[in-house]
N, C-alpha and C. Protein backbone atom coordinates (compact mmCIF):
# COMPACT_ATOMS: atom_id res chain seq x y z
N UNK A 1 34.24 -27.57 -34.89
CA UNK A 1 33.68 -28.13 -33.67
C UNK A 1 32.69 -27.13 -33.08
N UNK A 2 31.55 -27.62 -32.69
CA UNK A 2 30.54 -26.78 -32.06
C UNK A 2 30.66 -26.89 -30.54
N UNK A 3 30.32 -25.81 -29.89
CA UNK A 3 30.32 -25.81 -28.43
C UNK A 3 29.12 -26.61 -27.94
N UNK A 4 29.25 -27.29 -26.80
CA UNK A 4 28.12 -28.08 -26.29
C UNK A 4 26.97 -27.15 -25.90
N UNK A 5 25.76 -27.61 -26.15
CA UNK A 5 24.56 -26.83 -25.84
C UNK A 5 24.09 -27.22 -24.45
N UNK A 6 23.94 -26.23 -23.60
CA UNK A 6 23.48 -26.48 -22.23
C UNK A 6 21.99 -26.16 -22.19
N UNK A 7 21.17 -27.06 -21.67
CA UNK A 7 19.73 -26.76 -21.57
C UNK A 7 19.50 -25.52 -20.74
N UNK A 8 18.46 -24.75 -21.08
CA UNK A 8 18.18 -23.48 -20.43
C UNK A 8 17.87 -23.68 -18.95
N UNK A 9 17.14 -24.73 -18.60
CA UNK A 9 16.81 -24.94 -17.19
C UNK A 9 18.06 -25.24 -16.38
N UNK A 10 19.03 -25.92 -16.97
CA UNK A 10 20.28 -26.20 -16.27
C UNK A 10 21.13 -24.94 -16.16
N UNK A 11 21.13 -24.12 -17.20
CA UNK A 11 21.96 -22.92 -17.22
C UNK A 11 21.50 -21.92 -16.17
N UNK A 12 20.21 -21.87 -15.87
CA UNK A 12 19.72 -20.93 -14.88
C UNK A 12 20.16 -21.29 -13.48
N UNK A 13 20.33 -22.58 -13.19
CA UNK A 13 20.61 -23.03 -11.84
C UNK A 13 22.09 -23.27 -11.58
N UNK A 14 22.98 -22.81 -12.44
CA UNK A 14 24.40 -23.08 -12.25
C UNK A 14 25.12 -21.98 -11.50
N UNK A 15 24.38 -21.04 -10.95
CA UNK A 15 25.02 -19.97 -10.21
C UNK A 15 25.59 -20.51 -8.91
N UNK A 16 26.81 -20.17 -8.62
CA UNK A 16 27.46 -20.66 -7.42
C UNK A 16 27.08 -19.84 -6.21
N UNK A 17 27.54 -20.27 -5.05
CA UNK A 17 27.25 -19.59 -3.80
C UNK A 17 27.86 -18.19 -3.79
N UNK A 18 29.02 -18.03 -4.39
CA UNK A 18 29.69 -16.72 -4.39
C UNK A 18 28.86 -15.69 -5.14
N UNK A 19 28.28 -16.06 -6.29
CA UNK A 19 27.48 -15.10 -7.04
C UNK A 19 26.19 -14.79 -6.32
N UNK A 20 25.62 -15.76 -5.59
CA UNK A 20 24.42 -15.49 -4.81
C UNK A 20 24.73 -14.54 -3.67
N UNK A 21 25.90 -14.69 -3.06
CA UNK A 21 26.29 -13.79 -1.99
C UNK A 21 26.49 -12.38 -2.52
N UNK A 22 27.06 -12.25 -3.73
CA UNK A 22 27.27 -10.91 -4.29
C UNK A 22 25.95 -10.25 -4.61
N UNK A 23 24.93 -11.02 -5.01
CA UNK A 23 23.64 -10.44 -5.33
C UNK A 23 22.89 -9.96 -4.10
N UNK A 24 23.07 -10.63 -2.97
CA UNK A 24 22.27 -10.30 -1.80
C UNK A 24 23.01 -9.48 -0.75
N UNK A 25 24.33 -9.58 -0.70
CA UNK A 25 25.11 -8.85 0.29
C UNK A 25 25.97 -7.83 -0.43
N UNK A 26 25.92 -6.56 -0.02
CA UNK A 26 26.72 -5.55 -0.70
C UNK A 26 28.21 -5.88 -0.65
N UNK A 27 28.89 -5.64 -1.75
CA UNK A 27 30.32 -5.88 -1.85
C UNK A 27 31.03 -4.55 -1.67
N UNK A 28 32.27 -4.57 -1.23
CA UNK A 28 33.01 -3.35 -0.92
C UNK A 28 33.06 -2.40 -2.10
N UNK A 29 33.27 -2.89 -3.30
CA UNK A 29 33.37 -2.02 -4.47
C UNK A 29 32.06 -1.39 -4.88
N UNK A 30 30.95 -2.00 -4.49
CA UNK A 30 29.65 -1.50 -4.87
C UNK A 30 29.00 -0.76 -3.70
N UNK A 31 29.76 -0.26 -2.79
CA UNK A 31 29.27 0.36 -1.57
C UNK A 31 28.71 1.75 -1.78
N UNK A 32 29.07 2.67 -0.94
CA UNK A 32 28.49 4.00 -0.96
C UNK A 32 28.86 4.79 -2.22
N UNK A 33 28.01 5.76 -2.53
CA UNK A 33 28.24 6.59 -3.70
C UNK A 33 29.45 7.48 -3.46
N UNK A 34 30.23 7.67 -4.50
CA UNK A 34 31.42 8.51 -4.39
C UNK A 34 31.14 9.81 -5.12
N UNK A 35 31.45 10.91 -4.47
CA UNK A 35 31.19 12.22 -5.04
C UNK A 35 32.24 12.64 -6.05
N UNK A 36 32.24 13.91 -6.41
CA UNK A 36 33.13 14.42 -7.44
C UNK A 36 34.60 14.39 -7.00
N UNK A 37 34.86 14.49 -5.70
CA UNK A 37 36.24 14.55 -5.23
C UNK A 37 36.73 13.21 -4.68
N UNK A 38 36.01 12.13 -4.96
CA UNK A 38 36.43 10.82 -4.51
C UNK A 38 36.09 10.53 -3.06
N UNK A 39 35.22 11.33 -2.46
CA UNK A 39 34.81 11.16 -1.08
C UNK A 39 33.36 10.68 -1.07
N UNK A 40 33.00 9.85 -0.10
CA UNK A 40 31.64 9.35 0.00
C UNK A 40 30.65 10.49 0.20
N UNK A 41 29.51 10.42 -0.50
CA UNK A 41 28.47 11.42 -0.38
C UNK A 41 27.57 11.04 0.80
N UNK A 42 27.93 11.51 1.99
CA UNK A 42 27.24 11.13 3.21
C UNK A 42 25.82 11.67 3.25
N UNK A 43 25.57 12.81 2.64
CA UNK A 43 24.24 13.40 2.66
C UNK A 43 23.22 12.51 1.98
N UNK A 44 23.59 11.93 0.85
CA UNK A 44 22.63 11.11 0.09
C UNK A 44 22.66 9.65 0.47
N UNK A 45 23.81 9.11 0.80
CA UNK A 45 23.90 7.67 1.05
C UNK A 45 23.99 7.31 2.53
N UNK A 46 24.10 8.28 3.41
CA UNK A 46 24.20 7.99 4.84
C UNK A 46 25.62 7.62 5.24
N UNK A 47 25.77 7.29 6.50
CA UNK A 47 27.08 6.93 7.02
C UNK A 47 27.43 5.52 6.56
N UNK A 48 28.72 5.30 6.31
CA UNK A 48 29.15 3.97 5.89
C UNK A 48 29.19 3.05 7.11
N UNK A 49 28.95 1.77 6.87
CA UNK A 49 28.93 0.80 7.94
C UNK A 49 29.81 -0.39 7.55
N UNK A 50 30.62 -0.84 8.46
CA UNK A 50 31.48 -1.98 8.20
C UNK A 50 30.63 -3.23 8.02
N UNK A 51 29.49 -3.30 8.71
CA UNK A 51 28.62 -4.47 8.63
C UNK A 51 28.12 -4.70 7.20
N UNK A 52 27.88 -3.63 6.45
CA UNK A 52 27.39 -3.75 5.08
C UNK A 52 28.45 -4.31 4.14
N UNK A 53 29.70 -4.22 4.52
CA UNK A 53 30.79 -4.67 3.65
C UNK A 53 31.23 -6.10 3.94
N UNK A 54 30.69 -6.72 4.97
CA UNK A 54 31.10 -8.07 5.35
C UNK A 54 30.24 -9.11 4.65
N UNK A 55 30.84 -10.26 4.40
CA UNK A 55 30.09 -11.41 3.89
C UNK A 55 29.39 -12.08 5.07
N UNK A 56 28.37 -12.87 4.81
CA UNK A 56 27.67 -13.53 5.93
C UNK A 56 28.62 -14.39 6.75
N UNK A 57 28.44 -14.36 8.06
CA UNK A 57 29.33 -15.12 8.93
C UNK A 57 28.79 -16.51 9.21
N UNK A 58 27.53 -16.76 8.90
CA UNK A 58 26.93 -18.06 9.14
C UNK A 58 26.17 -18.50 7.89
N UNK A 59 26.05 -19.79 7.71
CA UNK A 59 25.41 -20.34 6.52
C UNK A 59 23.93 -19.94 6.46
N UNK A 60 23.26 -19.88 7.58
CA UNK A 60 21.83 -19.58 7.60
C UNK A 60 21.52 -18.09 7.52
N UNK A 61 22.52 -17.23 7.62
CA UNK A 61 22.28 -15.78 7.58
C UNK A 61 21.66 -15.35 6.27
N UNK A 62 22.13 -15.90 5.16
CA UNK A 62 21.58 -15.57 3.85
C UNK A 62 20.14 -16.05 3.73
N UNK A 63 19.87 -17.23 4.26
CA UNK A 63 18.51 -17.77 4.23
C UNK A 63 17.56 -16.92 5.08
N UNK A 64 18.00 -16.51 6.24
CA UNK A 64 17.16 -15.69 7.12
C UNK A 64 16.95 -14.29 6.54
N UNK A 65 17.93 -13.79 5.84
CA UNK A 65 17.80 -12.46 5.24
C UNK A 65 16.72 -12.46 4.15
N UNK A 66 16.63 -13.57 3.41
CA UNK A 66 15.66 -13.67 2.32
C UNK A 66 14.41 -14.44 2.72
N UNK A 67 14.14 -14.59 4.03
CA UNK A 67 13.01 -15.39 4.48
C UNK A 67 11.68 -14.84 3.98
N UNK A 68 11.47 -13.54 4.14
CA UNK A 68 10.18 -12.95 3.74
C UNK A 68 9.98 -13.06 2.23
N UNK A 69 11.02 -12.86 1.45
CA UNK A 69 10.93 -12.98 0.00
C UNK A 69 10.56 -14.41 -0.40
N UNK A 70 11.21 -15.39 0.22
CA UNK A 70 10.90 -16.80 -0.07
C UNK A 70 9.48 -17.15 0.37
N UNK A 71 9.05 -16.61 1.50
CA UNK A 71 7.69 -16.86 1.99
C UNK A 71 6.66 -16.28 1.03
N UNK A 72 6.92 -15.06 0.52
CA UNK A 72 6.00 -14.45 -0.45
C UNK A 72 5.93 -15.25 -1.74
N UNK A 73 7.07 -15.73 -2.23
CA UNK A 73 7.08 -16.56 -3.44
C UNK A 73 6.26 -17.83 -3.26
N UNK A 74 6.40 -18.46 -2.09
CA UNK A 74 5.65 -19.68 -1.82
C UNK A 74 4.15 -19.38 -1.73
N UNK A 75 3.78 -18.28 -1.08
CA UNK A 75 2.36 -17.91 -0.97
C UNK A 75 1.77 -17.58 -2.34
N UNK A 76 2.54 -16.88 -3.19
CA UNK A 76 2.05 -16.55 -4.53
C UNK A 76 1.88 -17.80 -5.39
N UNK A 77 2.80 -18.74 -5.27
CA UNK A 77 2.66 -19.96 -6.08
C UNK A 77 1.48 -20.80 -5.59
N UNK A 78 1.25 -20.84 -4.28
CA UNK A 78 0.08 -21.55 -3.76
C UNK A 78 -1.20 -20.87 -4.21
N UNK A 79 -1.22 -19.56 -4.15
CA UNK A 79 -2.40 -18.81 -4.59
C UNK A 79 -2.66 -19.01 -6.07
N UNK A 80 -1.60 -19.09 -6.85
CA UNK A 80 -1.75 -19.33 -8.30
C UNK A 80 -2.33 -20.71 -8.57
N UNK A 81 -1.86 -21.71 -7.83
CA UNK A 81 -2.37 -23.06 -8.03
C UNK A 81 -3.84 -23.19 -7.62
N UNK A 82 -4.26 -22.43 -6.62
CA UNK A 82 -5.63 -22.54 -6.13
C UNK A 82 -6.59 -21.69 -6.95
N UNK A 83 -6.24 -20.40 -7.18
CA UNK A 83 -7.19 -19.47 -7.79
C UNK A 83 -6.86 -19.07 -9.23
N UNK A 84 -5.70 -19.40 -9.70
CA UNK A 84 -5.33 -19.04 -11.07
C UNK A 84 -4.31 -17.93 -11.09
N UNK A 85 -3.90 -17.55 -12.30
CA UNK A 85 -2.83 -16.57 -12.48
C UNK A 85 -3.23 -15.16 -12.05
N UNK A 86 -4.50 -14.81 -12.18
CA UNK A 86 -4.92 -13.44 -11.90
C UNK A 86 -4.78 -13.05 -10.43
N UNK A 87 -4.94 -13.99 -9.51
CA UNK A 87 -4.93 -13.68 -8.08
C UNK A 87 -3.56 -13.16 -7.61
N UNK A 88 -2.44 -13.87 -7.87
CA UNK A 88 -1.16 -13.30 -7.41
C UNK A 88 -0.78 -12.02 -8.15
N UNK A 89 -1.17 -11.89 -9.42
CA UNK A 89 -0.87 -10.66 -10.16
C UNK A 89 -1.61 -9.47 -9.55
N UNK A 90 -2.87 -9.66 -9.21
CA UNK A 90 -3.65 -8.59 -8.60
C UNK A 90 -3.05 -8.20 -7.25
N UNK A 91 -2.67 -9.21 -6.46
CA UNK A 91 -2.09 -8.95 -5.15
C UNK A 91 -0.75 -8.23 -5.26
N UNK A 92 0.07 -8.61 -6.23
CA UNK A 92 1.36 -7.94 -6.43
C UNK A 92 1.16 -6.49 -6.87
N UNK A 93 0.15 -6.23 -7.69
CA UNK A 93 -0.14 -4.84 -8.10
C UNK A 93 -0.59 -4.02 -6.89
N UNK A 94 -1.39 -4.60 -6.02
CA UNK A 94 -1.82 -3.90 -4.81
C UNK A 94 -0.63 -3.62 -3.89
N UNK A 95 0.29 -4.59 -3.76
CA UNK A 95 1.49 -4.37 -2.94
C UNK A 95 2.32 -3.23 -3.51
N UNK A 96 2.50 -3.22 -4.83
CA UNK A 96 3.31 -2.18 -5.47
C UNK A 96 2.68 -0.80 -5.27
N UNK A 97 1.35 -0.72 -5.41
CA UNK A 97 0.67 0.57 -5.21
C UNK A 97 0.79 1.03 -3.76
N UNK A 98 0.67 0.10 -2.81
CA UNK A 98 0.77 0.46 -1.39
C UNK A 98 2.20 0.86 -1.03
N UNK A 99 3.20 0.28 -1.70
CA UNK A 99 4.60 0.63 -1.43
C UNK A 99 4.94 2.03 -1.92
N UNK A 100 4.25 2.50 -2.95
CA UNK A 100 4.56 3.81 -3.51
C UNK A 100 4.01 4.95 -2.66
N UNK A 101 3.05 4.66 -1.80
CA UNK A 101 2.48 5.69 -0.93
C UNK A 101 3.46 5.93 0.21
N UNK A 102 4.00 7.13 0.26
CA UNK A 102 4.94 7.44 1.34
C UNK A 102 4.98 8.94 1.58
N UNK A 103 5.59 9.29 2.67
CA UNK A 103 5.71 10.70 3.03
C UNK A 103 6.90 11.31 2.30
N UNK A 104 7.21 12.55 2.63
CA UNK A 104 8.37 13.20 2.04
C UNK A 104 9.63 12.45 2.43
N UNK A 105 10.70 12.56 1.62
CA UNK A 105 11.90 11.75 1.86
C UNK A 105 12.55 11.93 3.23
N UNK A 106 12.37 13.07 3.85
CA UNK A 106 13.02 13.28 5.15
C UNK A 106 12.14 12.86 6.32
N UNK A 107 10.93 12.35 6.05
CA UNK A 107 10.04 11.85 7.10
C UNK A 107 9.93 10.33 7.00
N UNK A 108 9.81 9.69 8.15
CA UNK A 108 9.68 8.24 8.20
C UNK A 108 8.28 7.83 7.75
N UNK A 109 8.17 6.88 6.83
CA UNK A 109 6.89 6.38 6.36
C UNK A 109 6.54 5.10 7.11
N UNK A 110 5.27 4.96 7.49
CA UNK A 110 4.86 3.78 8.25
C UNK A 110 4.41 2.64 7.36
N UNK A 111 4.03 2.90 6.12
CA UNK A 111 3.55 1.89 5.18
C UNK A 111 2.41 1.08 5.80
N UNK A 112 1.43 1.78 6.37
CA UNK A 112 0.31 1.14 7.04
C UNK A 112 -0.54 0.34 6.06
N UNK A 113 -0.75 0.85 4.84
CA UNK A 113 -1.56 0.13 3.85
C UNK A 113 -0.90 -1.18 3.45
N UNK A 114 0.42 -1.18 3.31
CA UNK A 114 1.14 -2.41 2.96
C UNK A 114 1.09 -3.43 4.10
N UNK A 115 1.22 -2.95 5.33
CA UNK A 115 1.10 -3.86 6.48
C UNK A 115 -0.29 -4.46 6.57
N UNK A 116 -1.31 -3.67 6.24
CA UNK A 116 -2.67 -4.18 6.27
C UNK A 116 -2.88 -5.23 5.19
N UNK A 117 -2.35 -4.99 3.99
CA UNK A 117 -2.48 -5.98 2.91
C UNK A 117 -1.78 -7.29 3.24
N UNK A 118 -0.62 -7.20 3.88
CA UNK A 118 0.15 -8.41 4.20
C UNK A 118 -0.32 -9.08 5.48
N UNK A 119 -1.18 -8.40 6.24
CA UNK A 119 -1.68 -8.99 7.48
C UNK A 119 -0.77 -8.76 8.67
N UNK A 120 0.16 -7.82 8.56
CA UNK A 120 1.09 -7.54 9.65
C UNK A 120 0.58 -6.47 10.60
N UNK A 121 -0.61 -5.94 10.35
CA UNK A 121 -1.11 -4.85 11.17
C UNK A 121 -1.64 -5.33 12.53
N UNK A 122 -1.91 -6.61 12.67
CA UNK A 122 -2.46 -7.14 13.92
C UNK A 122 -1.41 -7.80 14.80
N UNK A 123 -0.16 -7.75 14.40
CA UNK A 123 0.88 -8.40 15.19
C UNK A 123 1.91 -7.36 15.63
N UNK A 124 2.53 -7.63 16.77
CA UNK A 124 3.60 -6.77 17.28
C UNK A 124 4.90 -7.53 17.10
N UNK A 125 5.85 -6.92 16.41
CA UNK A 125 7.12 -7.58 16.13
C UNK A 125 8.28 -6.73 16.64
N UNK A 126 9.47 -7.23 16.39
CA UNK A 126 10.70 -6.57 16.83
C UNK A 126 10.79 -5.14 16.30
N UNK A 127 10.43 -4.93 15.03
CA UNK A 127 10.54 -3.62 14.40
C UNK A 127 9.57 -2.61 15.00
N UNK A 128 8.44 -3.07 15.50
CA UNK A 128 7.46 -2.16 16.08
C UNK A 128 7.95 -1.53 17.37
N UNK A 129 8.75 -2.24 18.12
CA UNK A 129 9.20 -1.74 19.41
C UNK A 129 10.53 -1.00 19.29
N UNK A 130 11.50 -1.58 18.56
CA UNK A 130 12.86 -1.04 18.54
C UNK A 130 13.19 -0.27 17.26
N UNK A 131 12.21 0.08 16.46
CA UNK A 131 12.46 0.83 15.23
C UNK A 131 11.84 2.22 15.33
N UNK A 132 12.21 2.95 16.38
CA UNK A 132 11.64 4.27 16.62
C UNK A 132 12.21 5.26 15.61
N UNK A 133 11.34 5.94 14.81
CA UNK A 133 11.85 6.89 13.81
C UNK A 133 12.59 8.07 14.43
N UNK A 134 12.29 8.40 15.69
CA UNK A 134 12.98 9.51 16.33
C UNK A 134 14.45 9.18 16.57
N UNK A 135 14.79 7.90 16.65
CA UNK A 135 16.18 7.50 16.87
C UNK A 135 16.88 7.12 15.57
N UNK A 136 16.27 7.43 14.45
CA UNK A 136 16.82 7.06 13.15
C UNK A 136 18.05 7.90 12.82
N UNK A 137 18.99 7.31 12.06
CA UNK A 137 20.18 8.03 11.64
C UNK A 137 19.92 8.86 10.40
N UNK A 138 18.76 8.68 9.77
CA UNK A 138 18.42 9.41 8.55
C UNK A 138 18.04 10.84 8.90
N UNK A 139 18.91 11.75 8.65
CA UNK A 139 18.65 13.16 8.93
C UNK A 139 19.35 13.97 7.86
N UNK A 140 18.74 15.01 7.43
CA UNK A 140 19.35 15.85 6.42
C UNK A 140 18.52 17.08 6.16
N UNK A 141 18.96 17.89 5.26
CA UNK A 141 18.25 19.10 4.88
C UNK A 141 17.03 18.71 4.05
N UNK A 142 15.82 19.06 4.50
CA UNK A 142 14.60 18.63 3.80
C UNK A 142 14.54 19.08 2.35
N UNK A 143 14.92 20.30 2.05
CA UNK A 143 14.83 20.81 0.68
C UNK A 143 15.77 20.04 -0.26
N UNK A 144 16.97 19.77 0.20
CA UNK A 144 17.94 19.05 -0.63
C UNK A 144 17.47 17.62 -0.88
N UNK A 145 16.92 16.97 0.16
CA UNK A 145 16.47 15.59 0.01
C UNK A 145 15.29 15.49 -0.95
N UNK A 146 14.36 16.43 -0.89
CA UNK A 146 13.21 16.41 -1.80
C UNK A 146 13.67 16.68 -3.24
N UNK A 147 14.57 17.64 -3.43
CA UNK A 147 15.07 17.93 -4.77
C UNK A 147 15.83 16.74 -5.35
N UNK A 148 16.58 16.01 -4.51
CA UNK A 148 17.29 14.82 -4.99
C UNK A 148 16.31 13.73 -5.38
N UNK A 149 15.27 13.54 -4.58
CA UNK A 149 14.26 12.51 -4.87
C UNK A 149 13.52 12.82 -6.17
N UNK A 150 13.27 14.09 -6.45
CA UNK A 150 12.57 14.48 -7.67
C UNK A 150 13.49 14.58 -8.88
N UNK A 151 14.80 14.40 -8.66
CA UNK A 151 15.74 14.44 -9.77
C UNK A 151 16.14 15.84 -10.19
N UNK A 152 15.95 16.81 -9.32
CA UNK A 152 16.30 18.19 -9.66
C UNK A 152 17.77 18.48 -9.38
N UNK A 153 18.45 17.61 -8.65
CA UNK A 153 19.87 17.82 -8.34
C UNK A 153 20.72 16.88 -9.12
């Protein structure tokens, strides 16, 4: 007896809600990095948060979390239909290049080039007012953070 053959298009869309939640929301077992002695490495991974270990409390939370990603996919598909395949590929390469430009790991990066490419440089949003880098929890020894980023540690 042969096993039934499932069409590839059907097999891709059979993922349940639980697997989608695991892909987008961190699970307790996949949380912070554990050091050599079984203790969380706070220097590299930051402080642990209970919020990161919870599943979404509302049905729309997952949709709102992935809103920008879904919006970008829709814009790229529209751009592909209008101008061809080269236009979204060129734009994605420009986004990737702009994302790689950043300051040292212990300094906050503004990603001004990426905001300009996406058109977010002319608008004031929630993150512009309440995302002050001076109030950030990211703090550490600059030399250790740079060595970790370069793979020397």
